[in-house]
Protein backbone atom coordinates (compact mmCIF):
# COMPACT_ATOMS: atom_id res chain seq x y z
CA MET A 1 -28.53 -8.65 -8.74
CA ALA A 2 -28.27 -7.78 -12.41
CA ASP A 3 -26.65 -10.12 -14.90
CA ASP A 4 -22.99 -9.13 -15.43
CA LYS A 5 -22.69 -9.16 -19.22
CA THR A 6 -18.89 -8.78 -19.03
CA LYS A 7 -18.54 -12.28 -17.58
CA LYS A 8 -19.27 -14.82 -20.29
CA ASP A 9 -18.52 -18.50 -20.41
CA PHE A 10 -20.12 -21.73 -21.58
CA ARG A 11 -22.73 -21.74 -18.81
CA ASP A 12 -24.42 -18.63 -20.16
CA ARG A 13 -25.17 -20.21 -23.53
CA ASP A 14 -27.03 -23.38 -22.63
CA ARG A 15 -29.54 -22.00 -20.12
CA VAL A 16 -32.31 -19.40 -20.35
CA ALA A 17 -32.46 -16.91 -17.50
CA ALA A 18 -36.22 -16.59 -17.01
CA ASN A 19 -35.78 -13.55 -14.79
CA GLU A 20 -33.98 -11.56 -17.52
CA GLU A 21 -36.45 -9.73 -19.76
CA TYR A 22 -33.97 -9.38 -22.62
CA GLU A 23 -33.60 -13.16 -22.84
CA LEU A 24 -37.37 -13.68 -22.95
CA ASP A 25 -37.71 -10.95 -25.59
CA TYR A 26 -34.88 -12.44 -27.66
CA LEU A 27 -36.47 -15.90 -27.74
CA ALA A 28 -39.92 -14.47 -28.43
CA LYS A 29 -38.65 -12.48 -31.40
CA LYS A 30 -36.47 -15.33 -32.71
CA HIS A 31 -39.39 -17.78 -32.74
CA GLY A 32 -42.21 -15.37 -33.56
CA VAL A 33 -44.08 -16.00 -30.32
CA THR A 34 -45.15 -13.93 -27.32
CA ARG A 35 -43.22 -13.55 -24.10
CA GLY A 36 -46.02 -15.51 -22.41
CA GLN A 37 -45.41 -18.44 -24.74
CA VAL A 38 -41.70 -18.37 -23.86
CA ILE A 39 -42.59 -18.49 -20.17
CA GLU A 40 -44.99 -21.38 -20.90
CA ALA A 41 -42.14 -23.24 -22.62
CA LEU A 42 -39.85 -22.64 -19.65
CA GLU A 43 -42.49 -24.01 -17.29
CA ALA A 44 -43.04 -27.05 -19.52
CA VAL A 45 -39.44 -28.12 -20.18
CA GLY A 46 -37.20 -26.20 -17.78
CA ASN A 47 -34.50 -23.67 -18.64
CA GLU A 48 -32.26 -25.70 -20.95
CA ARG A 49 -32.07 -23.53 -24.10
CA GLU A 50 -32.12 -26.42 -26.57
CA LYS A 51 -35.31 -27.89 -25.07
CA VAL A 52 -37.01 -24.48 -24.83
CA GLU A 53 -36.27 -23.70 -28.47
CA ALA A 54 -37.49 -27.15 -29.58
CA TYR A 55 -40.70 -26.64 -27.60
CA LEU A 56 -41.26 -23.21 -29.14
CA THR A 57 -40.70 -24.60 -32.62
CA THR A 58 -43.21 -27.40 -32.20
CA HIS A 59 -45.86 -25.48 -30.21
CA LYS A 60 -46.36 -22.33 -32.29
CA ARG A 61 -49.91 -21.03 -32.39
């Protein structure tokens, strides 16, 4: 089922939905990395946004 963008609360902000392309693209663009590197970060640290962004910051190629 598609993500309902009309329903927003605190839970949507602290996790990365790996199955949503727009979230992967957003993080890739924000950190100047590829979508593959975002997926690598998700596999390495899980889907907690803060940890994913820290990983992407420290593991840029």
